[in-house]
Amino acid sequence: PFRYACLAEPLACVIHAISRVGTPLPDGVIITGAGISAYLFAQVLIARGLSPDRILVTGRRDARLATVKQLGAHVLDVRCGDLADAARNIFGAPAPELLIDQTGDPELLAGAMDIIARQGTLFIYDFTGHDIPFNFGTMQLREITIKTSTGCPGTMPAAIEMIATNQVDLAGAITHTFAPAQMEDAYASLARKGPTHLKSVIEFD
């Protein structure tokens, strides 16, 4: 359906990012910033064999965390919980090998290298647009790798295939639907960043 096909691009970006992580996939993954990409990241990781209970997604909006939790992943509301404590309680030892950040929060990124396992990977998915301070000594002593990605070069066919074969559930991703005459309302809803908003779709007959 067109309403799902329009999400092929963000899904393709997630698929490209996971290809940059490499294989085999890590046994434990933290995804910071519950949003559409976190929802898609969790689903692609699960589709590729990672158990949902080895995924922790953090965020600040109840509805978004609830949507991710329906996949079977762990969630953490960072307004009332500590990421380092949650990681220890959920993953135990060894620590998770991968943290995918979608917040661009300099403080979170600076502390992430102490949360993931030695020789783990910090993947910066969010486009921050500003300087991020790192303790290079910590990065070097713990042999942490930093990776990034952008766009979806060559992964659109894979995204379409995943949607067409129901390997991902996109019904929960579309939270608001508008008619063409409501286009201004659609953009106003997006700008408000309401607590239940994940993705809006404008449906044409």
N, C-alpha and C. Protein backbone atom coordinates (compact mmCIF):
# COMPACT_ATOMS: atom_id res chain seq x y z
N PRO A 1 0.83 -1.21 0.00
CA PRO A 1 0.00 0.00 0.00
C PRO A 1 0.86 1.26 0.00
N PHE A 2 0.37 2.30 -0.66
CA PHE A 2 1.14 3.54 -0.75
C PHE A 2 1.46 4.11 0.63
N ARG A 3 0.55 3.95 1.59
CA ARG A 3 0.79 4.53 2.92
C ARG A 3 1.99 3.89 3.59
N TYR A 4 2.33 2.65 3.22
CA TYR A 4 3.53 2.01 3.74
C TYR A 4 4.73 2.25 2.83
N ALA A 5 4.47 2.30 1.53
CA ALA A 5 5.57 2.53 0.58
C ALA A 5 6.26 3.87 0.84
N CYS A 6 5.51 4.84 1.36
CA CYS A 6 6.12 6.15 1.62
C CYS A 6 7.14 6.10 2.75
N LEU A 7 7.17 4.99 3.50
CA LEU A 7 8.16 4.84 4.56
C LEU A 7 9.37 4.03 4.10
N ALA A 8 9.42 3.72 2.81
CA ALA A 8 10.56 2.95 2.30
C ALA A 8 11.87 3.71 2.47
N GLU A 9 11.84 5.02 2.30
CA GLU A 9 13.09 5.80 2.39
C GLU A 9 13.69 5.78 3.80
N PRO A 10 12.94 6.09 4.86
CA PRO A 10 13.57 5.98 6.19
C PRO A 10 14.00 4.56 6.53
N LEU A 11 13.23 3.57 6.05
CA LEU A 11 13.63 2.18 6.28
C LEU A 11 14.92 1.86 5.53
N ALA A 12 15.04 2.35 4.31
CA ALA A 12 16.26 2.12 3.53
C ALA A 12 17.47 2.75 4.20
N CYS A 13 17.29 3.92 4.82
CA CYS A 13 18.39 4.57 5.54
C CYS A 13 18.84 3.72 6.72
N VAL A 14 17.88 3.13 7.43
CA VAL A 14 18.19 2.26 8.57
C VAL A 14 18.92 1.01 8.09
N ILE A 15 18.47 0.42 6.99
CA ILE A 15 19.13 -0.76 6.44
C ILE A 15 20.58 -0.45 6.06
N HIS A 16 20.79 0.72 5.46
CA HIS A 16 22.16 1.12 5.11
C HIS A 16 23.02 1.27 6.36
N ALA A 17 22.45 1.89 7.40
CA ALA A 17 23.20 2.08 8.64
C ALA A 17 23.61 0.74 9.24
N ILE A 18 22.68 -0.21 9.27
CA ILE A 18 22.99 -1.53 9.83
C ILE A 18 24.04 -2.24 8.99
N SER A 19 24.03 -2.01 7.69
CA SER A 19 25.08 -2.61 6.85
C SER A 19 26.45 -2.05 7.21
N ARG A 20 26.48 -0.81 7.69
CA ARG A 20 27.75 -0.19 8.10
C ARG A 20 28.24 -0.77 9.42
N VAL A 21 27.31 -1.30 10.23
CA VAL A 21 27.72 -1.93 11.49
C VAL A 21 28.56 -3.17 11.20
N GLY A 22 28.16 -3.90 10.17
CA GLY A 22 28.91 -5.11 9.80
C GLY A 22 28.28 -6.36 10.39
N THR A 23 28.91 -7.49 10.11
CA THR A 23 28.44 -8.78 10.60
C THR A 23 29.56 -9.50 11.34
N PRO A 24 29.22 -10.37 12.28
CA PRO A 24 27.87 -10.66 12.74
C PRO A 24 27.31 -9.51 13.57
N LEU A 25 26.01 -9.46 13.71
CA LEU A 25 25.40 -8.41 14.52
C LEU A 25 25.79 -8.61 15.99
N PRO A 26 25.93 -7.52 16.73
CA PRO A 26 26.25 -7.65 18.15
C PRO A 26 25.11 -8.32 18.90
N ASP A 27 25.42 -8.88 20.05
CA ASP A 27 24.43 -9.60 20.85
C ASP A 27 23.51 -8.66 21.62
N GLY A 28 23.94 -7.43 21.83
CA GLY A 28 23.13 -6.46 22.56
C GLY A 28 23.25 -5.09 21.94
N VAL A 29 22.11 -4.38 21.84
CA VAL A 29 22.10 -3.07 21.19
C VAL A 29 21.28 -2.09 22.02
N ILE A 30 21.84 -0.90 22.20
CA ILE A 30 21.11 0.23 22.80
C ILE A 30 20.81 1.22 21.69
N ILE A 31 19.57 1.69 21.63
CA ILE A 31 19.16 2.71 20.67
C ILE A 31 18.64 3.90 21.46
N THR A 32 19.31 5.02 21.38
CA THR A 32 18.90 6.19 22.15
C THR A 32 18.10 7.13 21.26
N GLY A 33 16.93 7.53 21.75
CA GLY A 33 16.06 8.44 21.02
C GLY A 33 14.93 7.69 20.35
N ALA A 34 13.82 7.49 21.08
CA ALA A 34 12.69 6.73 20.54
C ALA A 34 11.94 7.58 19.52
N GLY A 35 11.98 7.17 18.29
CA GLY A 35 11.30 7.85 17.20
C GLY A 35 11.08 6.86 16.08
N ILE A 36 10.76 7.35 14.90
CA ILE A 36 10.49 6.45 13.78
C ILE A 36 11.71 5.59 13.46
N SER A 37 12.90 6.16 13.50
CA SER A 37 14.09 5.38 13.16
C SER A 37 14.36 4.30 14.19
N ALA A 38 14.17 4.61 15.48
CA ALA A 38 14.36 3.59 16.52
C ALA A 38 13.40 2.43 16.30
N TYR A 39 12.16 2.75 15.95
CA TYR A 39 11.14 1.74 15.66
C TYR A 39 11.58 0.85 14.50
N LEU A 40 12.14 1.47 13.47
CA LEU A 40 12.60 0.72 12.31
C LEU A 40 13.89 -0.04 12.60
N PHE A 41 14.82 0.58 13.32
CA PHE A 41 16.05 -0.10 13.70
C PHE A 41 15.73 -1.39 14.45
N ALA A 42 14.85 -1.29 15.44
CA ALA A 42 14.52 -2.47 16.24
C ALA A 42 13.94 -3.57 15.37
N GLN A 43 13.06 -3.20 14.44
CA GLN A 43 12.43 -4.20 13.59
C GLN A 43 13.42 -4.87 12.64
N VAL A 44 14.31 -4.09 12.06
CA VAL A 44 15.29 -4.68 11.14
C VAL A 44 16.25 -5.59 11.90
N LEU A 45 16.67 -5.17 13.08
CA LEU A 45 17.56 -6.00 13.89
C LEU A 45 16.88 -7.32 14.26
N ILE A 46 15.60 -7.24 14.63
CA ILE A 46 14.85 -8.45 14.97
C ILE A 46 14.70 -9.35 13.75
N ALA A 47 14.39 -8.73 12.60
CA ALA A 47 14.24 -9.50 11.36
C ALA A 47 15.53 -10.21 10.98
N ARG A 48 16.65 -9.67 11.41
CA ARG A 48 17.95 -10.27 11.08
C ARG A 48 18.47 -11.19 12.17
N GLY A 49 17.61 -11.50 13.14
CA GLY A 49 17.96 -12.54 14.09
C GLY A 49 18.26 -12.11 15.51
N LEU A 50 18.27 -10.81 15.79
CA LEU A 50 18.56 -10.36 17.16
C LEU A 50 17.29 -10.50 18.00
N SER A 51 17.42 -11.10 19.16
CA SER A 51 16.28 -11.27 20.05
C SER A 51 15.79 -9.91 20.56
N PRO A 52 14.48 -9.68 20.60
CA PRO A 52 13.98 -8.38 21.07
C PRO A 52 14.44 -8.03 22.48
N ASP A 53 14.62 -9.05 23.34
CA ASP A 53 15.02 -8.74 24.71
C ASP A 53 16.49 -8.38 24.82
N ARG A 54 17.19 -8.31 23.67
CA ARG A 54 18.57 -7.84 23.66
C ARG A 54 18.66 -6.44 23.06
N ILE A 55 17.51 -5.76 23.03
CA ILE A 55 17.45 -4.39 22.52
C ILE A 55 16.88 -3.49 23.60
N LEU A 56 17.53 -2.36 23.84
CA LEU A 56 17.05 -1.35 24.77
C LEU A 56 16.91 -0.04 24.02
N VAL A 57 15.71 0.55 24.06
CA VAL A 57 15.44 1.82 23.39
C VAL A 57 15.09 2.86 24.45
N THR A 58 15.72 4.02 24.36
CA THR A 58 15.46 5.08 25.33
C THR A 58 14.72 6.24 24.67
N GLY A 59 14.00 7.00 25.48
CA GLY A 59 13.29 8.15 24.95
C GLY A 59 12.60 8.94 26.04
N ARG A 60 11.80 9.93 25.62
CA ARG A 60 11.14 10.82 26.56
C ARG A 60 9.62 10.89 26.37
N ARG A 61 9.10 10.22 25.34
CA ARG A 61 7.68 10.32 25.05
C ARG A 61 7.01 8.96 25.25
N ASP A 62 5.98 8.98 26.10
CA ASP A 62 5.34 7.73 26.50
C ASP A 62 4.83 6.92 25.32
N ALA A 63 4.12 7.57 24.38
CA ALA A 63 3.51 6.85 23.27
C ALA A 63 4.57 6.20 22.39
N ARG A 64 5.67 6.90 22.16
CA ARG A 64 6.73 6.34 21.31
C ARG A 64 7.39 5.14 21.99
N LEU A 65 7.63 5.25 23.28
CA LEU A 65 8.22 4.13 24.00
C LEU A 65 7.27 2.94 24.01
N ALA A 66 5.98 3.20 24.14
CA ALA A 66 4.99 2.12 24.14
C ALA A 66 4.96 1.41 22.79
N THR A 67 5.11 2.18 21.70
CA THR A 67 5.11 1.57 20.37
C THR A 67 6.29 0.63 20.20
N VAL A 68 7.45 1.04 20.67
CA VAL A 68 8.64 0.19 20.58
C VAL A 68 8.51 -1.02 21.50
N LYS A 69 7.93 -0.80 22.68
CA LYS A 69 7.80 -1.90 23.64
C LYS A 69 6.93 -3.03 23.09
N GLN A 70 5.98 -2.69 22.21
CA GLN A 70 5.13 -3.71 21.61
C GLN A 70 5.93 -4.70 20.76
N LEU A 71 7.12 -4.31 20.35
CA LEU A 71 7.98 -5.21 19.57
C LEU A 71 8.66 -6.24 20.46
N GLY A 72 8.61 -6.04 21.78
CA GLY A 72 9.27 -6.93 22.71
C GLY A 72 10.58 -6.41 23.24
N ALA A 73 10.97 -5.21 22.79
CA ALA A 73 12.23 -4.61 23.24
C ALA A 73 12.05 -3.97 24.61
N HIS A 74 13.16 -3.80 25.31
CA HIS A 74 13.15 -3.05 26.56
C HIS A 74 13.10 -1.56 26.24
N VAL A 75 12.46 -0.79 27.10
CA VAL A 75 12.44 0.66 26.92
C VAL A 75 12.81 1.34 28.22
N LEU A 76 13.36 2.54 28.09
CA LEU A 76 13.74 3.33 29.25
C LEU A 76 13.29 4.76 29.04
N ASP A 77 12.50 5.28 29.97
CA ASP A 77 12.14 6.69 29.98
C ASP A 77 13.26 7.43 30.69
N VAL A 78 14.05 8.20 29.94
CA VAL A 78 15.24 8.84 30.52
C VAL A 78 14.88 9.98 31.45
N ARG A 79 13.60 10.36 31.49
CA ARG A 79 13.17 11.39 32.44
C ARG A 79 13.18 10.87 33.87
N CYS A 80 13.12 9.55 34.01
CA CYS A 80 13.05 9.00 35.37
C CYS A 80 13.95 7.77 35.55
N GLY A 81 14.86 7.55 34.62
CA GLY A 81 15.76 6.41 34.73
C GLY A 81 17.14 6.73 34.20
N ASP A 82 18.13 5.98 34.64
CA ASP A 82 19.51 6.20 34.25
C ASP A 82 19.93 5.15 33.23
N LEU A 83 20.52 5.59 32.13
CA LEU A 83 20.87 4.68 31.04
C LEU A 83 21.91 3.66 31.48
N ALA A 84 22.94 4.09 32.18
CA ALA A 84 24.00 3.16 32.60
C ALA A 84 23.43 2.08 33.51
N ASP A 85 22.56 2.46 34.44
CA ASP A 85 21.95 1.49 35.35
C ASP A 85 21.06 0.52 34.58
N ALA A 86 20.27 1.05 33.65
CA ALA A 86 19.38 0.19 32.87
C ALA A 86 20.17 -0.81 32.04
N ALA A 87 21.28 -0.35 31.45
CA ALA A 87 22.10 -1.24 30.64
C ALA A 87 22.67 -2.38 31.47
N ARG A 88 23.12 -2.06 32.68
CA ARG A 88 23.66 -3.11 33.55
C ARG A 88 22.58 -4.11 33.95
N ASN A 89 21.39 -3.59 34.28
CA ASN A 89 20.31 -4.46 34.74
C ASN A 89 19.80 -5.37 33.62
N ILE A 90 19.76 -4.84 32.39
CA ILE A 90 19.18 -5.60 31.28
C ILE A 90 20.20 -6.55 30.65
N PHE A 91 21.39 -6.05 30.41
CA PHE A 91 22.38 -6.84 29.67
C PHE A 91 23.35 -7.58 30.58
N GLY A 92 23.54 -7.08 31.79
CA GLY A 92 24.52 -7.72 32.67
C GLY A 92 25.92 -7.60 32.09
N ALA A 93 26.69 -8.66 32.24
CA ALA A 93 28.05 -8.68 31.68
C ALA A 93 28.14 -9.81 30.66
N PRO A 94 28.75 -9.58 29.50
CA PRO A 94 29.37 -8.32 29.08
C PRO A 94 28.36 -7.27 28.66
N ALA A 95 28.82 -6.04 28.62
CA ALA A 95 27.97 -4.93 28.22
C ALA A 95 27.61 -5.04 26.74
N PRO A 96 26.55 -4.33 26.31
CA PRO A 96 26.20 -4.36 24.88
C PRO A 96 27.33 -3.80 24.03
N GLU A 97 27.46 -4.34 22.83
CA GLU A 97 28.58 -3.98 21.96
C GLU A 97 28.27 -2.80 21.04
N LEU A 98 27.00 -2.39 20.98
CA LEU A 98 26.61 -1.35 20.03
C LEU A 98 25.63 -0.38 20.65
N LEU A 99 25.88 0.90 20.48
CA LEU A 99 24.93 1.94 20.85
C LEU A 99 24.68 2.81 19.63
N ILE A 100 23.42 2.88 19.21
CA ILE A 100 23.02 3.70 18.07
C ILE A 100 22.35 4.95 18.60
N ASP A 101 22.95 6.10 18.34
CA ASP A 101 22.41 7.35 18.89
C ASP A 101 21.63 8.12 17.85
N GLN A 102 20.44 8.57 18.26
CA GLN A 102 19.61 9.40 17.39
C GLN A 102 19.23 10.70 18.08
N THR A 103 19.95 11.04 19.14
CA THR A 103 19.63 12.27 19.87
C THR A 103 20.56 13.41 19.51
N GLY A 104 21.82 13.09 19.21
CA GLY A 104 22.81 14.15 19.00
C GLY A 104 23.18 14.87 20.27
N ASP A 105 22.80 14.32 21.40
CA ASP A 105 23.06 14.95 22.70
C ASP A 105 24.55 14.79 23.05
N PRO A 106 25.30 15.89 23.11
CA PRO A 106 26.74 15.78 23.37
C PRO A 106 27.06 15.08 24.68
N GLU A 107 26.26 15.35 25.72
CA GLU A 107 26.52 14.73 27.02
C GLU A 107 26.31 13.21 26.95
N LEU A 108 25.24 12.80 26.27
CA LEU A 108 24.99 11.37 26.13
C LEU A 108 26.09 10.70 25.33
N LEU A 109 26.49 11.33 24.23
CA LEU A 109 27.53 10.75 23.38
C LEU A 109 28.86 10.65 24.11
N ALA A 110 29.16 11.65 24.92
CA ALA A 110 30.42 11.63 25.66
C ALA A 110 30.46 10.49 26.66
N GLY A 111 29.31 10.18 27.26
CA GLY A 111 29.26 9.11 28.25
C GLY A 111 29.01 7.73 27.67
N ALA A 112 28.65 7.68 26.39
CA ALA A 112 28.28 6.39 25.79
C ALA A 112 29.44 5.41 25.77
N MET A 113 30.66 5.91 25.66
CA MET A 113 31.82 5.02 25.56
C MET A 113 32.07 4.26 26.85
N ASP A 114 31.50 4.73 27.96
CA ASP A 114 31.63 4.01 29.22
C ASP A 114 30.51 3.00 29.43
N ILE A 115 29.50 3.04 28.56
CA ILE A 115 28.35 2.15 28.71
C ILE A 115 28.50 0.89 27.86
N ILE A 116 29.03 1.06 26.65
CA ILE A 116 29.17 -0.09 25.76
C ILE A 116 30.42 -0.89 26.11
N ALA A 117 30.49 -2.10 25.59
CA ALA A 117 31.58 -3.01 25.90
C ALA A 117 32.90 -2.51 25.32
N ARG A 118 33.98 -2.97 25.91
CA ARG A 118 35.29 -2.71 25.33
C ARG A 118 35.32 -3.23 23.89
N GLN A 119 35.91 -2.46 22.99
CA GLN A 119 35.95 -2.75 21.55
C GLN A 119 34.55 -2.69 20.92
N GLY A 120 33.64 -2.02 21.60
CA GLY A 120 32.30 -1.83 21.06
C GLY A 120 32.26 -0.69 20.05
N THR A 121 31.04 -0.45 19.53
CA THR A 121 30.84 0.56 18.50
C THR A 121 29.81 1.59 18.93
N LEU A 122 30.17 2.85 18.79
CA LEU A 122 29.24 3.96 18.98
C LEU A 122 28.84 4.43 17.59
N PHE A 123 27.58 4.25 17.26
CA PHE A 123 27.09 4.60 15.92
C PHE A 123 26.27 5.89 16.03
N ILE A 124 26.73 6.94 15.37
CA ILE A 124 26.04 8.24 15.42
C ILE A 124 25.15 8.33 14.18
N TYR A 125 23.85 8.14 14.39
CA TYR A 125 22.91 8.15 13.28
C TYR A 125 22.28 9.53 13.10
N ASP A 126 22.05 10.22 14.19
CA ASP A 126 21.45 11.54 14.10
C ASP A 126 22.42 12.54 13.51
N PHE A 127 21.91 13.46 12.66
CA PHE A 127 22.74 14.54 12.14
C PHE A 127 22.73 15.67 13.16
N THR A 128 23.86 15.91 13.80
CA THR A 128 23.90 16.88 14.89
C THR A 128 24.16 18.30 14.40
N GLY A 129 25.09 18.48 13.46
CA GLY A 129 25.37 19.81 12.97
C GLY A 129 26.18 20.69 13.90
N HIS A 130 26.68 20.10 14.99
CA HIS A 130 27.51 20.91 15.91
C HIS A 130 28.61 20.03 16.47
N ASP A 131 29.57 20.67 17.12
CA ASP A 131 30.72 19.94 17.66
C ASP A 131 30.28 19.03 18.81
N ILE A 132 30.92 17.87 18.90
CA ILE A 132 30.66 16.93 19.98
C ILE A 132 32.00 16.63 20.67
N PRO A 133 32.12 16.94 21.97
CA PRO A 133 33.37 16.67 22.67
C PRO A 133 33.50 15.19 23.03
N PHE A 134 34.67 14.61 22.74
CA PHE A 134 34.95 13.23 23.11
C PHE A 134 36.23 13.19 23.93
N ASN A 135 36.27 12.26 24.89
CA ASN A 135 37.51 11.98 25.60
C ASN A 135 38.25 10.94 24.77
N PHE A 136 39.21 11.41 23.97
CA PHE A 136 39.91 10.49 23.07
C PHE A 136 40.67 9.43 23.85
N GLY A 137 41.11 9.77 25.06
CA GLY A 137 41.82 8.78 25.86
C GLY A 137 40.93 7.59 26.20
N THR A 138 39.69 7.88 26.59
CA THR A 138 38.74 6.80 26.88
C THR A 138 38.48 5.97 25.63
N MET A 139 38.30 6.66 24.53
CA MET A 139 38.04 5.97 23.26
C MET A 139 39.20 5.06 22.90
N GLN A 140 40.42 5.55 23.09
CA GLN A 140 41.60 4.77 22.72
C GLN A 140 41.83 3.61 23.68
N LEU A 141 41.74 3.86 24.99
CA LEU A 141 42.02 2.81 25.96
C LEU A 141 40.99 1.69 25.90
N ARG A 142 39.75 2.04 25.57
CA ARG A 142 38.70 1.02 25.49
C ARG A 142 38.51 0.52 24.05
N GLU A 143 39.31 1.02 23.13
CA GLU A 143 39.29 0.61 21.73
C GLU A 143 37.89 0.70 21.13
N ILE A 144 37.25 1.83 21.37
CA ILE A 144 35.90 2.07 20.87
C ILE A 144 35.96 2.54 19.42
N THR A 145 35.09 2.02 18.59
CA THR A 145 34.97 2.44 17.19
C THR A 145 33.76 3.36 17.04
N ILE A 146 33.93 4.46 16.33
CA ILE A 146 32.82 5.35 16.02
C ILE A 146 32.49 5.22 14.54
N LYS A 147 31.22 4.98 14.26
CA LYS A 147 30.77 4.87 12.88
C LYS A 147 29.58 5.81 12.64
N THR A 148 29.37 6.14 11.37
CA THR A 148 28.25 6.99 10.99
C THR A 148 27.68 6.48 9.66
N SER A 149 26.57 7.05 9.27
CA SER A 149 26.01 6.76 7.95
C SER A 149 25.15 7.93 7.51
N THR A 150 24.86 7.97 6.23
CA THR A 150 23.95 9.00 5.72
C THR A 150 23.27 8.46 4.47
N GLY A 151 21.98 8.74 4.36
CA GLY A 151 21.24 8.37 3.16
C GLY A 151 21.01 6.88 3.04
N CYS A 152 20.64 6.47 1.82
CA CYS A 152 20.29 5.06 1.57
C CYS A 152 20.83 4.61 0.22
N PRO A 153 22.15 4.70 0.02
CA PRO A 153 22.71 4.32 -1.27
C PRO A 153 22.55 2.83 -1.55
N GLY A 154 21.70 2.50 -2.51
CA GLY A 154 21.54 1.12 -2.93
C GLY A 154 20.66 0.25 -2.07
N THR A 155 20.04 0.80 -1.03
CA THR A 155 19.26 -0.05 -0.12
C THR A 155 17.75 0.11 -0.27
N MET A 156 17.30 0.95 -1.19
CA MET A 156 15.86 1.10 -1.39
C MET A 156 15.19 -0.22 -1.82
N PRO A 157 15.78 -0.99 -2.75
CA PRO A 157 15.15 -2.28 -3.09
C PRO A 157 14.98 -3.20 -1.89
N ALA A 158 15.96 -3.23 -1.01
CA ALA A 158 15.86 -4.08 0.18
C ALA A 158 14.74 -3.62 1.09
N ALA A 159 14.57 -2.29 1.22
CA ALA A 159 13.49 -1.75 2.04
C ALA A 159 12.13 -2.12 1.47
N ILE A 160 11.99 -1.97 0.16
CA ILE A 160 10.72 -2.32 -0.49
C ILE A 160 10.42 -3.80 -0.31
N GLU A 161 11.44 -4.63 -0.42
CA GLU A 161 11.26 -6.08 -0.24
C GLU A 161 10.81 -6.40 1.19
N MET A 162 11.40 -5.74 2.18
CA MET A 162 11.02 -5.99 3.56
C MET A 162 9.57 -5.59 3.81
N ILE A 163 9.15 -4.48 3.22
CA ILE A 163 7.76 -4.04 3.38
C ILE A 163 6.81 -5.00 2.67
N ALA A 164 7.16 -5.35 1.45
CA ALA A 164 6.28 -6.19 0.63
C ALA A 164 6.10 -7.59 1.21
N THR A 165 7.11 -8.09 1.92
CA THR A 165 7.05 -9.44 2.48
C THR A 165 6.72 -9.43 3.97
N ASN A 166 6.26 -8.27 4.47
CA ASN A 166 5.80 -8.14 5.86
C ASN A 166 6.88 -8.49 6.89
N GLN A 167 8.13 -8.19 6.55
CA GLN A 167 9.20 -8.39 7.53
C GLN A 167 9.24 -7.27 8.55
N VAL A 168 8.58 -6.15 8.24
CA VAL A 168 8.46 -5.04 9.18
C VAL A 168 6.99 -4.67 9.29
N ASP A 169 6.58 -4.22 10.47
CA ASP A 169 5.22 -3.79 10.71
C ASP A 169 5.21 -2.26 10.75
N LEU A 170 4.62 -1.65 9.74
CA LEU A 170 4.62 -0.19 9.66
C LEU A 170 3.32 0.43 10.13
N ALA A 171 2.35 -0.42 10.49
CA ALA A 171 1.06 0.12 10.94
C ALA A 171 1.23 1.00 12.17
N GLY A 172 2.09 0.56 13.09
CA GLY A 172 2.29 1.34 14.31
C GLY A 172 3.08 2.61 14.11
N ALA A 173 3.75 2.73 12.95
CA ALA A 173 4.58 3.90 12.70
C ALA A 173 3.76 5.11 12.25
N ILE A 174 2.62 4.85 11.60
CA ILE A 174 1.79 5.95 11.08
C ILE A 174 0.74 6.30 12.13
N THR A 175 0.95 7.40 12.79
CA THR A 175 0.07 7.79 13.90
C THR A 175 -0.94 8.86 13.50
N HIS A 176 -0.71 9.57 12.39
CA HIS A 176 -1.61 10.64 11.97
C HIS A 176 -1.82 10.57 10.46
N THR A 177 -3.06 10.68 10.04
CA THR A 177 -3.40 10.63 8.63
C THR A 177 -4.23 11.86 8.27
N PHE A 178 -3.88 12.50 7.14
CA PHE A 178 -4.54 13.72 6.71
C PHE A 178 -4.96 13.61 5.25
N ALA A 179 -5.99 14.35 4.89
CA ALA A 179 -6.40 14.48 3.50
C ALA A 179 -5.61 15.62 2.86
N PRO A 180 -5.54 15.69 1.52
CA PRO A 180 -4.79 16.77 0.86
C PRO A 180 -5.24 18.16 1.30
N ALA A 181 -6.54 18.35 1.54
CA ALA A 181 -7.03 19.65 1.96
C ALA A 181 -6.54 20.03 3.35
N GLN A 182 -6.02 19.05 4.10
CA GLN A 182 -5.53 19.30 5.46
C GLN A 182 -4.00 19.41 5.52
N MET A 183 -3.39 19.71 4.39
CA MET A 183 -1.93 19.70 4.33
C MET A 183 -1.30 20.66 5.35
N GLU A 184 -1.88 21.85 5.48
CA GLU A 184 -1.33 22.80 6.46
C GLU A 184 -1.46 22.24 7.87
N ASP A 185 -2.58 21.58 8.15
CA ASP A 185 -2.75 20.97 9.46
C ASP A 185 -1.72 19.87 9.70
N ALA A 186 -1.40 19.14 8.64
CA ALA A 186 -0.41 18.07 8.77
C ALA A 186 0.95 18.61 9.18
N TYR A 187 1.37 19.70 8.54
CA TYR A 187 2.67 20.29 8.87
C TYR A 187 2.64 20.95 10.25
N ALA A 188 1.50 21.53 10.61
CA ALA A 188 1.38 22.13 11.95
C ALA A 188 1.48 21.05 13.02
N SER A 189 0.86 19.89 12.75
CA SER A 189 0.93 18.77 13.69
C SER A 189 2.35 18.28 13.85
N LEU A 190 3.08 18.21 12.73
CA LEU A 190 4.47 17.79 12.76
C LEU A 190 5.31 18.78 13.58
N ALA A 191 5.08 20.06 13.38
CA ALA A 191 5.87 21.08 14.07
C ALA A 191 5.63 21.06 15.58
N ARG A 192 4.42 20.67 15.99
CA ARG A 192 4.11 20.65 17.42
C ARG A 192 4.83 19.52 18.15
N LYS A 193 5.22 18.49 17.41
CA LYS A 193 5.91 17.34 18.01
C LYS A 193 5.11 16.81 19.20
N GLY A 194 3.86 16.52 18.95
CA GLY A 194 2.98 16.03 20.01
C GLY A 194 3.47 14.72 20.61
N PRO A 195 3.00 14.41 21.80
CA PRO A 195 3.50 13.22 22.51
C PRO A 195 3.17 11.90 21.81
N THR A 196 2.14 11.89 20.96
CA THR A 196 1.76 10.64 20.29
C THR A 196 2.25 10.57 18.84
N HIS A 197 2.92 11.63 18.38
CA HIS A 197 3.28 11.70 16.96
C HIS A 197 4.50 10.85 16.65
N LEU A 198 4.39 10.04 15.58
CA LEU A 198 5.55 9.31 15.07
C LEU A 198 5.74 9.65 13.59
N LYS A 199 4.76 9.30 12.76
CA LYS A 199 4.79 9.68 11.34
C LYS A 199 3.40 10.10 10.88
N SER A 200 3.37 11.17 10.08
CA SER A 200 2.13 11.63 9.46
C SER A 200 2.12 11.25 7.99
N VAL A 201 0.93 10.93 7.48
CA VAL A 201 0.77 10.59 6.08
C VAL A 201 -0.36 11.42 5.51
N ILE A 202 -0.12 12.00 4.33
CA ILE A 202 -1.17 12.70 3.59
C ILE A 202 -1.63 11.75 2.50
N GLU A 203 -2.88 11.31 2.57
CA GLU A 203 -3.40 10.30 1.66
C GLU A 203 -4.19 10.94 0.52
N PHE A 204 -3.79 10.60 -0.71
CA PHE A 204 -4.50 11.07 -1.90
C PHE A 204 -5.37 9.94 -2.45
N ASP A 205 -6.52 10.27 -2.94
CA ASP A 205 -7.36 9.27 -3.57
C ASP A 205 -6.71 8.76 -4.86
